[in-house]
Structures are given as structure tokens and as C-alpha cells.
Protein backbone atom coordinates (compact mmCIF):
# COMPACT_ATOMS: atom_id res chain seq x y z
CA MET A 1 2.68 -10.39 26.14
CA ALA A 2 3.44 -7.58 23.68
CA ASN A 3 0.69 -6.43 21.34
CA ASN A 4 1.83 -7.22 17.80
CA PHE A 5 -1.45 -5.92 16.32
CA GLY A 6 -1.96 -9.10 14.30
CA ILE A 7 1.27 -8.54 12.35
CA ASP A 8 3.02 -11.74 11.25
CA SER A 9 6.11 -12.66 13.28
CA SER A 10 8.26 -12.58 10.11
CA TRP A 11 8.07 -8.76 10.24
CA ILE A 12 8.84 -8.67 13.96
CA ASN A 13 11.81 -11.02 13.63
CA ALA A 14 13.22 -8.88 10.81
CA GLY A 15 13.27 -5.78 13.00
CA LEU A 16 9.86 -4.11 12.73
CA ASP A 17 9.77 -1.57 15.57
CA ILE A 18 6.65 -2.64 17.43
CA ASP A 19 7.37 -0.29 20.34
CA LEU A 20 7.36 2.68 17.97
CA ILE A 21 4.16 1.46 16.30
CA SER A 22 2.52 1.03 19.72
CA LYS A 23 3.33 4.63 20.68
CA ILE A 24 1.89 5.99 17.45
CA MET A 25 -1.22 3.82 17.73
CA LEU A 26 -1.80 5.22 21.23
CA LYS A 27 -1.50 8.77 19.89
CA ILE A 28 -4.03 8.00 17.19
CA GLU A 29 -6.37 6.42 19.73
CA GLU A 30 -6.22 9.62 21.80
CA LYS A 31 -6.91 11.75 18.71
CA ARG A 32 -10.05 9.72 18.03
CA LYS A 33 -11.57 11.09 21.24
CA ILE A 34 -11.77 14.56 19.73
CA CYS A 35 -11.97 14.05 15.95
CA GLU A 36 -12.59 11.50 13.20
CA ILE A 37 -9.54 9.50 12.16
CA LEU A 38 -9.57 7.16 9.17
CA PRO A 39 -9.39 4.23 8.81
CA LYS A 40 -10.73 2.41 11.89
CA GLN A 41 -8.12 1.60 14.53
CA ASP A 42 -8.10 -2.12 13.72
CA ASP A 43 -7.58 -1.39 10.01
CA ILE A 44 -4.62 1.01 10.25
CA LEU A 45 -1.96 -1.69 9.82
CA ASN A 46 -3.83 -3.87 7.30
CA ALA A 47 -1.13 -3.47 4.63
CA ILE A 48 1.37 -5.45 6.70
CA LYS A 49 -1.17 -7.56 8.59
CA LEU A 50 -2.48 -9.12 5.37
CA THR A 51 0.97 -9.74 3.87
CA SER A 52 3.70 -11.53 5.80
CA LEU A 53 7.28 -10.49 5.10
CA ASP A 54 8.05 -14.04 3.99
CA ASN A 55 5.31 -13.84 1.34
CA ALA A 56 5.94 -10.27 0.17
CA LYS A 57 6.28 -10.12 -3.62
CA VAL A 58 5.02 -6.68 -4.64
CA LEU A 59 4.94 -3.26 -3.00
CA ILE A 60 2.50 -0.65 -4.32
CA ILE A 61 3.16 2.75 -2.74
CA GLY A 62 0.20 5.02 -2.03
CA GLN A 63 -0.05 8.29 -0.13
CA ASP A 64 -2.97 8.46 2.31
CA PRO A 65 -6.29 6.75 3.12
CA TYR A 66 -9.47 7.76 1.35
CA PRO A 67 -11.03 10.68 3.28
CA SER A 68 -14.25 8.76 3.89
CA SER A 69 -15.22 5.89 6.18
CA GLU A 70 -17.20 4.55 3.23
CA HIS A 71 -13.93 3.73 1.46
CA ALA A 72 -10.93 3.69 3.81
CA HIS A 73 -9.73 0.42 5.32
CA GLY A 74 -5.95 0.53 5.50
CA LEU A 75 -4.94 -0.62 2.01
CA ALA A 76 -3.69 1.79 -0.66
CA PHE A 77 -6.14 2.22 -3.57
CA SER A 78 -8.51 -0.38 -2.07
CA SER A 79 -12.06 0.62 -1.10
CA LEU A 80 -14.82 -0.88 1.03
CA SER A 81 -17.49 0.88 -1.03
CA SER A 82 -19.38 -0.43 -4.04
CA LYS A 83 -18.65 2.98 -5.61
CA THR A 84 -15.30 2.62 -7.38
CA PRO A 85 -12.89 5.52 -6.65
CA ALA A 86 -11.48 7.27 -9.73
CA SER A 87 -7.91 5.96 -9.45
CA LEU A 88 -9.13 2.40 -8.86
CA LYS A 89 -11.32 2.68 -11.97
CA ASN A 90 -8.16 3.29 -14.00
CA ILE A 91 -6.36 0.43 -12.28
CA PHE A 92 -9.20 -1.89 -13.25
CA LYS A 93 -9.28 -0.43 -16.76
CA LYS A 94 -5.62 -1.36 -17.21
CA LEU A 95 -6.17 -4.81 -15.72
CA LYS A 96 -9.10 -5.51 -18.05
CA GLU A 97 -6.88 -4.63 -20.96
CA ASP A 98 -4.00 -6.82 -19.73
CA TYR A 99 -6.14 -9.70 -18.43
CA PRO A 100 -9.60 -9.45 -20.07
CA GLU A 101 -10.66 -12.80 -18.62
CA GLY A 102 -10.14 -11.50 -15.07
CA ASN A 103 -12.88 -10.74 -12.55
CA TYR A 104 -12.63 -7.24 -11.04
CA SER A 105 -16.01 -7.11 -9.32
CA SER A 106 -14.86 -6.01 -5.85
CA ASN A 107 -13.21 -2.71 -4.95
CA THR A 108 -11.67 -4.34 -1.90
CA LEU A 109 -8.17 -5.56 -2.75
CA THR A 110 -7.61 -7.87 0.22
CA GLU A 111 -7.04 -10.86 -2.09
CA TRP A 112 -3.99 -9.07 -3.48
CA GLY A 113 -2.64 -8.60 0.03
CA LYS A 114 -3.09 -12.27 0.85
CA GLN A 115 -1.04 -13.18 -2.22
CA GLY A 116 1.90 -10.97 -1.30
CA VAL A 117 0.99 -7.49 -2.57
CA ILE A 118 1.71 -4.83 0.07
CA LEU A 119 -0.69 -1.94 -0.57
CA LEU A 120 1.06 0.63 1.61
CA ASN A 121 0.11 4.25 2.13
CA THR A 122 2.94 6.42 3.47
CA SER A 123 0.44 8.01 5.83
CA LEU A 124 -1.45 5.20 7.52
CA THR A 125 -4.05 7.56 8.96
CA PHE A 126 -6.00 10.61 7.80
CA GLU A 127 -7.70 13.44 9.68
CA GLY A 128 -9.87 15.85 7.78
CA LYS A 129 -9.10 17.39 4.40
CA ASP A 130 -6.60 20.01 5.54
CA ALA A 131 -3.21 19.56 3.80
CA LYS A 132 -1.47 20.56 7.02
CA LEU A 133 -3.17 17.74 8.89
CA LEU A 134 -2.15 15.26 6.19
CA LYS A 135 1.46 16.41 6.52
CA GLU A 136 1.27 15.89 10.28
CA HIS A 137 0.03 12.32 9.87
CA THR A 138 2.62 11.59 7.17
CA LYS A 139 5.36 12.89 9.51
CA LEU A 140 3.98 10.80 12.36
CA TRP A 141 4.20 7.57 10.33
CA GLU A 142 7.40 8.42 8.46
CA PRO A 143 9.77 6.43 10.75
CA VAL A 144 7.50 3.37 10.50
CA ILE A 145 7.38 3.54 6.70
CA LYS A 146 11.17 3.96 6.63
CA ASN A 147 11.50 0.93 8.92
CA ILE A 148 9.28 -1.17 6.61
CA PHE A 149 11.23 -0.08 3.52
CA GLU A 150 14.56 -0.93 5.18
CA ILE A 151 13.31 -4.38 6.15
CA LEU A 152 12.17 -5.07 2.58
CA ILE A 153 15.55 -3.99 1.19
CA LYS A 154 17.60 -6.00 3.71
CA ARG A 155 15.51 -9.10 3.04
CA ASN A 156 17.36 -9.38 -0.30
CA LYS A 157 14.61 -11.36 -2.04
CA ILE A 158 12.74 -10.59 -5.25
CA LEU A 159 10.38 -7.65 -4.81
CA ILE A 160 8.59 -5.59 -7.45
CA VAL A 161 8.03 -2.00 -6.35
CA MET A 162 5.35 -0.14 -8.30
CA ARG A 163 5.93 3.61 -7.99
CA TRP A 164 2.96 5.39 -9.51
CA GLY A 165 3.44 9.16 -9.72
CA ASN A 166 6.12 11.60 -8.61
CA TYR A 167 5.30 11.25 -4.93
CA ALA A 168 5.71 7.45 -4.92
CA GLN A 169 8.91 7.73 -6.93
CA THR A 170 10.35 10.22 -4.45
CA VAL A 171 9.49 8.39 -1.23
CA GLY A 172 10.37 5.05 -2.83
CA ALA A 173 13.72 6.21 -4.21
CA CYS A 174 15.51 4.01 -1.66
CA PHE A 175 14.55 0.92 -3.71
CA THR A 176 16.45 2.05 -6.82
CA ASN A 177 19.40 -0.15 -7.83
CA LYS A 178 18.97 -2.62 -4.96
CA PRO A 179 19.69 -6.35 -5.43
CA ASN A 180 16.63 -8.40 -6.41
CA ILE A 181 14.36 -5.34 -6.40
CA TYR A 182 12.61 -4.29 -9.60
CA THR A 183 11.22 -0.75 -9.68
CA LEU A 184 8.36 -0.02 -12.08
CA ASP A 185 7.65 3.69 -12.55
CA THR A 186 4.81 5.48 -14.29
CA THR A 187 2.26 8.22 -13.69
CA HIS A 188 -0.36 8.05 -10.96
CA PRO A 189 -3.62 6.27 -11.98
CA SER A 190 -5.73 9.33 -11.13
CA PRO A 191 -7.87 10.81 -13.95
CA PHE A 192 -5.46 13.77 -14.08
CA SER A 193 -2.42 11.72 -15.09
CA ALA A 194 -3.41 8.14 -16.02
CA ARG A 195 -3.35 8.83 -19.77
CA ASN A 196 0.19 10.14 -19.53
CA GLY A 197 1.67 6.74 -18.78
CA PHE A 198 -0.31 4.57 -16.40
CA LEU A 199 -2.80 3.25 -18.96
CA THR A 200 0.04 2.03 -21.18
CA CYS A 201 2.49 0.90 -18.48
CA ASN A 202 1.77 -2.87 -18.47
CA HIS A 203 3.02 -3.08 -14.88
CA PHE A 204 0.75 -5.99 -13.98
CA LYS A 205 2.00 -8.13 -16.85
CA ILE A 206 5.65 -7.15 -16.31
CA CYS A 207 5.29 -8.00 -12.62
CA ASN A 208 3.96 -11.47 -13.35
CA GLU A 209 6.65 -12.12 -15.95
CA ILE A 210 9.26 -11.40 -13.27
CA LEU A 211 7.51 -13.54 -10.65
CA GLY A 212 7.02 -16.51 -12.98
CA ASP A 213 5.46 -19.40 -11.06
CA GLY A 214 4.71 -17.05 -8.17
CA ALA A 215 2.62 -14.69 -10.34
CA ILE A 216 -0.19 -12.68 -8.78
CA CYS A 217 -3.82 -13.40 -9.68
CA TRP A 218 -5.16 -9.85 -10.00
CA ASN A 219 -8.81 -10.85 -9.58
CA THR A 220 -10.66 -9.02 -6.81
């Protein structure tokens, strides 16, 4: 029996290239023998393991895992640590403004994934802090990310794509002007750019207005 890595069959049936993913996962497993790779092997595909294609409502595009085992676990912006990363602090700051009654006590955003929020980094793995190494990992995963994006577009169901920052807007350009897909663009939530758009973007409220009865509970 083929190893589907715990990915829901709705992705497989829609054309997710499991053979390609298997080859890349083997390469990463080999790399682990000589250097540290983040996140853990079982966590690499969490973004699409937590969210079935049938339940996908929102896509938040990130870039790469946190460069620390303390934080990284395969979901963009989400952290395993009790220490809140800077970008996530600004995400919570915006949420507290939009939904002050909400509970944002955990830095781990798995509850979002279970509700249909795909927290997808374009590089699913990270090796060291060298920009060249990041580019290599991004290139390695590029066909898989493209495959996921194509599946989401062909599905032709309502999807809100949050593109935070120039990078997300560039790699996520394929979602522009597609039927039933709403693109929400603003600056990245990092301390360097959050005040230039993110902290006034209201993306979480706009998203839930679009989803109506299927709105996301942003509690963590």
C-alpha cells in the first residue's frame, strides 16, 4: 500500500502527486543523516494533513519554517513554543482588535488547520540560516507547492487566500481573478512591515464575512 503520509484522500483523488512527495521526503530523510532539518519528518506535511481538500476554506501563504526546533512544526506562522514569535505577536494583536472576546493563549495554530485554514509555507523544510540553503529547499518543494495551488484552483469552490507581503503576493499570483477565490493582500505581519498595512487590514473579519455560516473561529 502506498504511503500517503496521513494526507486525506480528498487531496489524493484531486491529483496530489504522492510519488513526487515521496521522492522529496526520501531526499530530506537522507539529508537528516548529516545535518539538522526542520521541522521533524512527521511534521513536514502538517499543512495539508490537518486540512482536507474538501474542508479547505482559507489559504495563508508563508515562506519557510522557523529556524528552531523550539518553534517549527510544519504550519506557517504557528509555533510549538510558549515564546510567541514576532510575526505571530502581530497576528494576535490584530485578532484581539477584531475579536476582543477571543482566546489567543496558544501559539500553536492547529485548531485553525482543523477548521479549514491551510497554513502553507512554500518551503516545507529548512536547513541552517544560509540564504542559499533556503533557496535550495524552496526549489525542492516548488513543484509540490505548484501542485497544491493548482488543485485548489481547479476545485472551483470558495477559498480565501491571504497573501501577506510581497513574497506571498508573488508566489500566490496564480490565485488572482479565479472563480470563487478571494485574494486578500497586505504587508507581512513582521515588526518591519506590520504597521504599513497588516495591523489595519481586517483580513480575519473580511474572511468570516465571506464564509458566512462557515466562518472560522480564530481562537487558539
